Amino acid sequence: MISNAVENFLKSIYELRHGEEWVSTSALAERLDHRPASVTNMIQKVADSDMDLIEYMPYRGVRLKPNGEMIALEVVRHHRLIELYLTKALGVPWDKVHDEAEKLEHVISEDLEDRMAKALGNPTVDPHGHPIPSKSLKVRKLSSQPLSGVAVGTTVEVVQVNDHDPSLLRYLGDMGLYPSTRFTVVNKEAFGNSLHIKIGDKEHSLGEEATRYISVAVVEKEAI
């Protein structure tokens, strides 16, 4: 049996990779809200166990081994299915489902997971646009880029939004800025990198602290 703490630990490594194989202990400590020394101690204990879940290298960080990645993906699947179910079936706002899913992701059975997936039509993304691993734990790759790097005059579609800040989600929700929403970048301030965007006939301003957490795909002109 794997403890909830270890499952959270493995899931956090998976979510922090961002295309890289290794995750720094400082990034992991920030995500888990623990002191770096405590996280390093946990890393060493898990790495030295016979579960063969992670590999640790001082000054480089930690990476998942195949066994650890499979466990992480199973927890991620539970989490994202729960988020979508809470949103679609129960009407829980998208800024509240993350914390609720954190509590439930470790306790639902495989049977309940299957029933939720079937009831939702075997979905591929959660309410924030993040891919839901399939039953076989395969993950669909999404093509996107940070909104902060989009040029003025470009029309884009929201692909996903980071779900770890409820206040950001409420702020974006008030604008109607959800996954699949299309808008145009109309201006970028020279200092501060704030963006002015146009959704329909309304303009909004987004600071860099928001744009770096929004991933988008460029909409080709003929598709607009």
C-alpha atoms as a PDB file:
ATOM      1  CA  MET A   1       0.000   0.000   0.000  1.00  0.00           C
ATOM      2  CA  ILE A   2       1.187   3.505  -0.868  1.00  0.00           C
ATOM      3  CA  SER A   3       0.353   6.250   1.645  1.00  0.00           C
ATOM      4  CA  ASN A   4      -1.588   9.363   0.647  1.00  0.00           C
ATOM      5  CA  ALA A   5       1.515  11.447   1.411  1.00  0.00           C
ATOM      6  CA  VAL A   6       3.634   9.440  -1.035  1.00  0.00           C
ATOM      7  CA  GLU A   7       0.881   9.600  -3.669  1.00  0.00           C
ATOM      8  CA  ASN A   8       0.764  13.402  -3.317  1.00  0.00           C
ATOM      9  CA  PHE A   9       4.549  13.492  -3.501  1.00  0.00           C
ATOM     10  CA  LEU A  10       4.639  11.488  -6.751  1.00  0.00           C
ATOM     11  CA  LYS A  11       1.768  13.486  -8.280  1.00  0.00           C
ATOM     12  CA  SER A  12       3.558  16.738  -7.483  1.00  0.00           C
ATOM     13  CA  ILE A  13       6.733  15.553  -9.217  1.00  0.00           C
ATOM     14  CA  TYR A  14       4.693  14.624 -12.278  1.00  0.00           C
ATOM     15  CA  GLU A  15       2.903  17.996 -12.400  1.00  0.00           C
ATOM     16  CA  LEU A  16       6.114  19.997 -11.949  1.00  0.00           C
ATOM     17  CA  ARG A  17       8.078  18.415 -14.791  1.00  0.00           C
ATOM     18  CA  HIS A  18       6.896  20.831 -17.526  1.00  0.00           C
ATOM     19  CA  GLY A  19       8.627  18.778 -20.207  1.00  0.00           C
ATOM     20  CA  GLU A  20      11.756  18.223 -18.132  1.00  0.00           C
ATOM     21  CA  GLU A  21      12.744  14.898 -16.590  1.00  0.00           C
ATOM     22  CA  TRP A  22      14.162  16.234 -13.322  1.00  0.00           C
ATOM     23  CA  VAL A  23      12.373  18.369 -10.707  1.00  0.00           C
ATOM     24  CA  SER A  24      14.311  20.477  -8.211  1.00  0.00           C
ATOM     25  CA  THR A  25      13.815  19.937  -4.497  1.00  0.00           C
ATOM     26  CA  SER A  26      13.087  23.660  -4.053  1.00  0.00           C
ATOM     27  CA  ALA A  27      10.224  23.537  -6.584  1.00  0.00           C
ATOM     28  CA  LEU A  28       8.863  20.424  -4.917  1.00  0.00           C
ATOM     29  CA  ALA A  29       9.089  22.025  -1.469  1.00  0.00           C
ATOM     30  CA  GLU A  30       7.178  25.077  -2.703  1.00  0.00           C
ATOM     31  CA  ARG A  31       4.434  22.927  -4.259  1.00  0.00           C
ATOM     32  CA  LEU A  32       4.065  20.768  -1.131  1.00  0.00           C
ATOM     33  CA  ASP A  33       4.386  23.777   1.195  1.00  0.00           C
ATOM     34  CA  HIS A  34       7.097  22.046   3.259  1.00  0.00           C
ATOM     35  CA  ARG A  35      10.580  23.094   4.282  1.00  0.00           C
ATOM     36  CA  PRO A  36      13.248  22.032   1.725  1.00  0.00           C
ATOM     37  CA  ALA A  37      15.029  19.954   4.375  1.00  0.00           C
ATOM     38  CA  SER A  38      11.823  18.002   5.093  1.00  0.00           C
ATOM     39  CA  VAL A  39      11.243  17.377   1.399  1.00  0.00           C
ATOM     40  CA  THR A  40      14.848  16.232   0.893  1.00  0.00           C
ATOM     41  CA  ASN A  41      14.425  13.831   3.805  1.00  0.00           C
ATOM     42  CA  MET A  42      11.249  12.401   2.264  1.00  0.00           C
ATOM     43  CA  ILE A  43      12.909  12.094  -1.145  1.00  0.00           C
ATOM     44  CA  GLN A  44      15.762  10.114   0.348  1.00  0.00           C
ATOM     45  CA  LYS A  45      13.400   7.790   2.217  1.00  0.00           C
ATOM     46  CA  VAL A  46      11.317   7.058  -0.883  1.00  0.00           C
ATOM     47  CA  ALA A  47      14.403   6.692  -3.086  1.00  0.00           C
ATOM     48  CA  ASP A  48      15.989   4.263  -0.613  1.00  0.00           C
ATOM     49  CA  SER A  49      12.860   2.125  -0.253  1.00  0.00           C
ATOM     50  CA  ASP A  50      12.305  -1.091  -2.214  1.00  0.00           C
ATOM     51  CA  MET A  51       9.273   0.373  -4.077  1.00  0.00           C
ATOM     52  CA  ASP A  52      11.469   1.617  -6.957  1.00  0.00           C
ATOM     53  CA  LEU A  53       9.441   4.828  -7.407  1.00  0.00           C
ATOM     54  CA  ILE A  54      11.950   7.648  -7.859  1.00  0.00           C
ATOM     55  CA  GLU A  55      15.582   8.467  -8.512  1.00  0.00           C
ATOM     56  CA  TYR A  56      17.357  11.209  -6.574  1.00  0.00           C
ATOM     57  CA  MET A  57      20.575  13.037  -7.363  1.00  0.00           C
ATOM     58  CA  PRO A  58      21.885  15.777  -5.035  1.00  0.00           C
ATOM     59  CA  TYR A  59      22.051  19.220  -6.736  1.00  0.00           C
ATOM     60  CA  ARG A  60      20.021  17.885  -9.655  1.00  0.00           C
ATOM     61  CA  GLY A  61      16.738  16.857  -8.082  1.00  0.00           C
ATOM     62  CA  VAL A  62      14.335  13.960  -8.394  1.00  0.00           C
ATOM     63  CA  ARG A  63      12.686  12.113 -11.243  1.00  0.00           C
ATOM     64  CA  LEU A  64      10.005   9.453 -11.491  1.00  0.00           C
ATOM     65  CA  LYS A  65      10.810   5.862 -12.331  1.00  0.00           C
ATOM     66  CA  PRO A  66       8.196   3.870 -14.318  1.00  0.00           C
ATOM     67  CA  ASN A  67       6.510   2.525 -11.168  1.00  0.00           C
ATOM     68  CA  GLY A  68       6.325   6.014  -9.664  1.00  0.00           C
ATOM     69  CA  GLU A  69       4.958   7.512 -12.857  1.00  0.00           C
ATOM     70  CA  MET A  70       2.157   4.938 -13.088  1.00  0.00           C
ATOM     71  CA  ILE A  71       1.071   5.699  -9.522  1.00  0.00           C
ATOM     72  CA  ALA A  72       1.243   9.447 -10.195  1.00  0.00           C
ATOM     73  CA  LEU A  73      -0.851   9.097 -13.364  1.00  0.00           C
ATOM     74  CA  GLU A  74      -3.505   7.057 -11.536  1.00  0.00           C
ATOM     75  CA  VAL A  75      -3.843   9.765  -8.885  1.00  0.00           C
ATOM     76  CA  VAL A  76      -3.931  12.484 -11.568  1.00  0.00           C
ATOM     77  CA  ARG A  77      -6.686  10.571 -13.399  1.00  0.00           C
ATOM     78  CA  HIS A  78      -8.740  10.345 -10.201  1.00  0.00           C
ATOM     79  CA  HIS A  79      -8.176  14.024  -9.420  1.00  0.00           C
ATOM     80  CA  ARG A  80      -9.150  15.363 -12.823  1.00  0.00           C
ATOM     81  CA  LEU A  81     -12.175  13.085 -13.207  1.00  0.00           C
ATOM     82  CA  ILE A  82     -13.418  14.192  -9.786  1.00  0.00           C
ATOM     83  CA  GLU A  83     -12.941  17.855 -10.735  1.00  0.00           C
ATOM     84  CA  LEU A  84     -14.981  17.406 -13.909  1.00  0.00           C
ATOM     85  CA  TYR A  85     -17.684  15.384 -12.168  1.00  0.00           C
ATOM     86  CA  LEU A  86     -18.063  18.003  -9.442  1.00  0.00           C
ATOM     87  CA  THR A  87     -18.366  20.706 -12.102  1.00  0.00           C
ATOM     88  CA  LYS A  88     -20.671  18.926 -14.546  1.00  0.00           C
ATOM     89  CA  ALA A  89     -22.868  16.868 -12.212  1.00  0.00           C
ATOM     90  CA  LEU A  90     -22.964  19.033  -9.090  1.00  0.00           C
ATOM     91  CA  GLY A  91     -22.337  22.533 -10.415  1.00  0.00           C
ATOM     92  CA  VAL A  92     -19.329  23.208  -8.177  1.00  0.00           C
ATOM     93  CA  PRO A  93     -17.480  26.324  -9.480  1.00  0.00           C
ATOM     94  CA  TRP A  94     -14.174  25.674 -11.240  1.00  0.00           C
ATOM     95  CA  ASP A  95     -12.264  27.616  -8.575  1.00  0.00           C
ATOM     96  CA  LYS A  96     -13.413  25.211  -5.834  1.00  0.00           C
ATOM     97  CA  VAL A  97     -13.109  21.763  -7.418  1.00  0.00           C
ATOM     98  CA  HIS A  98      -9.318  21.479  -7.037  1.00  0.00           C
ATOM     99  CA  ASP A  99      -9.360  21.518  -3.242  1.00  0.00           C
ATOM    100  CA  GLU A 100     -12.295  19.097  -3.111  1.00  0.00           C
ATOM    101  CA  ALA A 101     -10.563  16.718  -5.516  1.00  0.00           C
ATOM    102  CA  GLU A 102      -7.415  16.832  -3.377  1.00  0.00           C
ATOM    103  CA  LYS A 103      -9.442  15.293  -0.539  1.00  0.00           C
ATOM    104  CA  LEU A 104     -11.149  12.609  -2.628  1.00  0.00           C
ATOM    105  CA  GLU A 105      -8.500  11.511  -5.122  1.00  0.00           C
ATOM    106  CA  HIS A 106      -6.959   8.928  -2.755  1.00  0.00           C
ATOM    107  CA  VAL A 107     -10.156   7.248  -1.616  1.00  0.00           C
ATOM    108  CA  ILE A 108     -12.350   6.550  -4.661  1.00  0.00           C
ATOM    109  CA  SER A 109     -12.446   2.952  -5.867  1.00  0.00           C
ATOM    110  CA  GLU A 110     -11.597   1.818  -9.379  1.00  0.00           C
ATOM    111  CA  ASP A 111     -15.272   0.941  -9.854  1.00  0.00           C
ATOM    112  CA  LEU A 112     -16.354   4.475  -8.942  1.00  0.00           C
ATOM    113  CA  GLU A 113     -13.659   5.889 -11.213  1.00  0.00           C
ATOM    114  CA  ASP A 114     -15.034   3.831 -14.115  1.00  0.00           C
ATOM    115  CA  ARG A 115     -18.622   4.879 -13.379  1.00  0.00           C
ATOM    116  CA  MET A 116     -17.671   8.559 -13.226  1.00  0.00           C
ATOM    117  CA  ALA A 117     -15.775   8.334 -16.506  1.00  0.00           C
ATOM    118  CA  LYS A 118     -18.706   6.588 -18.213  1.00  0.00           C
ATOM    119  CA  ALA A 119     -21.234   9.104 -16.858  1.00  0.00           C
ATOM    120  CA  LEU A 120     -19.081  11.943 -18.220  1.00  0.00           C
ATOM    121  CA  GLY A 121     -18.661  10.304 -21.642  1.00  0.00           C
ATOM    122  CA  ASN A 122     -15.027   9.269 -21.078  1.00  0.00           C
ATOM    123  CA  PRO A 123     -13.707  12.862 -21.153  1.00  0.00           C
ATOM    124  CA  THR A 124     -10.171  13.801 -22.153  1.00  0.00           C
ATOM    125  CA  VAL A 125      -9.750  17.120 -20.263  1.00  0.00           C
ATOM    126  CA  ASP A 126     -10.747  18.492 -16.854  1.00  0.00           C
ATOM    127  CA  PRO A 127     -12.531  21.840 -16.203  1.00  0.00           C
ATOM    128  CA  HIS A 128      -9.229  23.714 -16.399  1.00  0.00           C
ATOM    129  CA  GLY A 129      -8.214  22.101 -19.699  1.00  0.00           C
ATOM    130  CA  HIS A 130      -5.642  19.677 -18.298  1.00  0.00           C
ATOM    131  CA  PRO A 131      -5.558  16.264 -20.016  1.00  0.00           C
ATOM    132  CA  ILE A 132      -7.144  13.381 -18.118  1.00  0.00           C
ATOM    133  CA  PRO A 133      -5.030  10.209 -18.372  1.00  0.00           C
ATOM    134  CA  SER A 134      -6.933   7.385 -20.060  1.00  0.00           C
ATOM    135  CA  LYS A 135      -7.894   4.174 -18.278  1.00  0.00           C
ATOM    136  CA  SER A 136      -4.627   2.709 -19.580  1.00  0.00           C
ATOM    137  CA  LEU A 137      -2.834   5.806 -18.196  1.00  0.00           C
ATOM    138  CA  LYS A 138      -1.938   7.290 -21.561  1.00  0.00           C
ATOM    139  CA  VAL A 139      -1.899  11.092 -21.719  1.00  0.00           C
ATOM    140  CA  ARG A 140      -2.913  13.071 -24.785  1.00  0.00           C
ATOM    141  CA  LYS A 141      -0.371  15.756 -25.661  1.00  0.00           C
ATOM    142  CA  LEU A 142      -1.812  19.255 -25.955  1.00  0.00           C
ATOM    143  CA  SER A 143      -0.182  21.816 -28.229  1.00  0.00           C
ATOM    144  CA  SER A 144      -0.080  25.198 -26.495  1.00  0.00           C
ATOM    145  CA  GLN A 145       2.101  28.094 -25.410  1.00  0.00           C
ATOM    146  CA  PRO A 146       2.029  30.598 -22.526  1.00  0.00           C
ATOM    147  CA  LEU A 147      -0.217  33.568 -23.199  1.00  0.00           C
ATOM    148  CA  SER A 148       2.588  35.834 -21.996  1.00  0.00           C
ATOM    149  CA  GLY A 149       4.529  35.111 -25.190  1.00  0.00           C
ATOM    150  CA  VAL A 150       1.744  35.808 -27.701  1.00  0.00           C
ATOM    151  CA  ALA A 151       2.240  38.707 -30.125  1.00  0.00           C
ATOM    152  CA  VAL A 152      -0.148  41.654 -30.418  1.00  0.00           C
ATOM    153  CA  GLY A 153      -2.839  41.106 -33.045  1.00  0.00           C
ATOM    154  CA  THR A 154      -2.945  37.331 -32.567  1.00  0.00           C
ATOM    155  CA  THR A 155      -6.223  35.495 -31.984  1.00  0.00           C
ATOM    156  CA  VAL A 156      -5.894  32.549 -29.639  1.00  0.00           C
ATOM    157  CA  GLU A 157      -7.972  29.910 -27.879  1.00  0.00           C
ATOM    158  CA  VAL A 158      -7.518  29.030 -24.214  1.00  0.00           C
ATOM    159  CA  VAL A 159      -6.164  25.477 -23.861  1.00  0.00           C
ATOM    160  CA  GLN A 160      -5.595  25.247 -20.121  1.00  0.00           C
ATOM    161  CA  VAL A 161      -5.316  27.323 -16.961  1.00  0.00           C
ATOM    162  CA  ASN A 162      -3.261  26.529 -13.877  1.00  0.00           C
ATOM    163  CA  ASP A 163      -5.680  25.347 -11.178  1.00  0.00           C
ATOM    164  CA  HIS A 164      -3.624  25.974  -8.023  1.00  0.00           C
ATOM    165  CA  ASP A 165      -4.825  29.548  -7.385  1.00  0.00           C
ATOM    166  CA  PRO A 166      -8.582  29.836  -6.735  1.00  0.00           C
ATOM    167  CA  SER A 167      -8.466  33.646  -6.789  1.00  0.00           C
ATOM    168  CA  LEU A 168      -6.964  33.585 -10.295  1.00  0.00           C
ATOM    169  CA  LEU A 169      -9.665  31.180 -11.472  1.00  0.00           C
ATOM    170  CA  ARG A 170     -12.407  33.407 -10.048  1.00  0.00           C
ATOM    171  CA  TYR A 171     -10.818  36.441 -11.727  1.00  0.00           C
ATOM    172  CA  LEU A 172     -10.637  34.710 -15.099  1.00  0.00           C
ATOM    173  CA  GLY A 173     -14.096  33.216 -14.701  1.00  0.00           C
ATOM    174  CA  ASP A 174     -15.554  36.693 -14.201  1.00  0.00           C
ATOM    175  CA  MET A 175     -14.102  37.578 -17.617  1.00  0.00           C
ATOM    176  CA  GLY A 176     -15.459  34.398 -19.190  1.00  0.00           C
ATOM    177  CA  LEU A 177     -11.911  33.216 -19.840  1.00  0.00           C
ATOM    178  CA  TYR A 178     -12.375  29.427 -19.779  1.00  0.00           C
ATOM    179  CA  PRO A 179     -10.821  26.637 -21.890  1.00  0.00           C
ATOM    180  CA  SER A 180     -12.009  26.937 -25.535  1.00  0.00           C
ATOM    181  CA  THR A 181     -12.670  30.696 -25.152  1.00  0.00           C
ATOM    182  CA  ARG A 182     -11.278  32.651 -28.107  1.00  0.00           C
ATOM    183  CA  PHE A 183      -9.932  36.181 -27.866  1.00  0.00           C
ATOM    184  CA  THR A 184      -7.482  38.578 -29.500  1.00  0.00           C
ATOM    185  CA  VAL A 185      -4.423  40.204 -27.963  1.00  0.00           C
ATOM    186  CA  VAL A 186      -4.873  43.879 -28.823  1.00  0.00           C
ATOM    187  CA  ASN A 187      -2.012  45.503 -26.936  1.00  0.00           C
ATOM    188  CA  LYS A 188       0.987  44.767 -24.721  1.00  0.00           C
ATOM    189  CA  GLU A 189       2.309  47.376 -22.316  1.00  0.00           C
ATOM    190  CA  ALA A 190       5.987  48.235 -22.737  1.00  0.00           C
ATOM    191  CA  PHE A 191       6.624  48.055 -18.999  1.00  0.00           C
ATOM    192  CA  GLY A 192       5.137  45.335 -16.811  1.00  0.00           C
ATOM    193  CA  ASN A 193       4.165  43.113 -19.766  1.00  0.00           C
ATOM    194  CA  SER A 194       0.435  43.473 -19.096  1.00  0.00           C
ATOM    195  CA  LEU A 195      -1.758  42.363 -22.002  1.00  0.00           C
ATOM    196  CA  HIS A 196      -4.965  43.943 -23.229  1.00  0.00           C
ATOM    197  CA  ILE A 197      -7.274  41.342 -24.727  1.00  0.00           C
ATOM    198  CA  LYS A 198     -10.631  41.455 -26.471  1.00  0.00           C
ATOM    199  CA  ILE A 199     -13.257  38.794 -25.822  1.00  0.00           C
ATOM    200  CA  GLY A 200     -16.203  39.408 -28.103  1.00  0.00           C
ATOM    201  CA  ASP A 201     -16.811  43.158 -27.853  1.00  0.00           C
ATOM    202  CA  LYS A 202     -15.275  43.585 -24.388  1.00  0.00           C
ATOM    203  CA  GLU A 203     -11.679  44.466 -23.561  1.00  0.00           C
ATOM    204  CA  HIS A 204      -9.822  43.335 -20.444  1.00  0.00           C
ATOM    205  CA  SER A 205      -6.359  43.810 -18.955  1.00  0.00           C
ATOM    206  CA  LEU A 206      -4.280  40.860 -17.733  1.00  0.00           C
ATOM    207  CA  GLY A 207      -1.089  41.255 -15.704  1.00  0.00           C
ATOM    208  CA  GLU A 208       1.952  39.036 -16.161  1.00  0.00           C
ATOM    209  CA  GLU A 209       1.125  37.225 -12.919  1.00  0.00           C
ATOM    210  CA  ALA A 210      -1.996  35.937 -14.711  1.00  0.00           C
ATOM    211  CA  THR A 211      -0.804  35.484 -18.307  1.00  0.00           C
ATOM    212  CA  ARG A 212       2.007  33.094 -17.395  1.00  0.00           C
ATOM    213  CA  TYR A 213      -0.532  30.669 -15.958  1.00  0.00           C
ATOM    214  CA  ILE A 214      -2.705  30.584 -19.072  1.00  0.00           C
ATOM    215  CA  SER A 215      -1.782  28.341 -22.015  1.00  0.00           C
ATOM    216  CA  VAL A 216      -3.253  29.044 -25.440  1.00  0.00           C
ATOM    217  CA  ALA A 217      -3.220  27.853 -29.037  1.00  0.00           C
ATOM    218  CA  VAL A 218      -3.045  30.247 -31.972  1.00  0.00           C
ATOM    219  CA  VAL A 219      -6.215  30.280 -34.091  1.00  0.00           C
ATOM    220  CA  GLU A 220      -5.453  30.291 -37.791  1.00  0.00           C
ATOM    221  CA  LYS A 221      -7.191  33.109 -39.651  1.00  0.00           C
ATOM    222  CA  GLU A 222      -9.194  30.819 -41.915  1.00  0.00           C
ATOM    223  CA  ALA A 223     -10.510  28.990 -38.801  1.00  0.00           C
ATOM    224  CA  ILE A 224     -11.778  32.147 -37.087  1.00  0.00           C
END
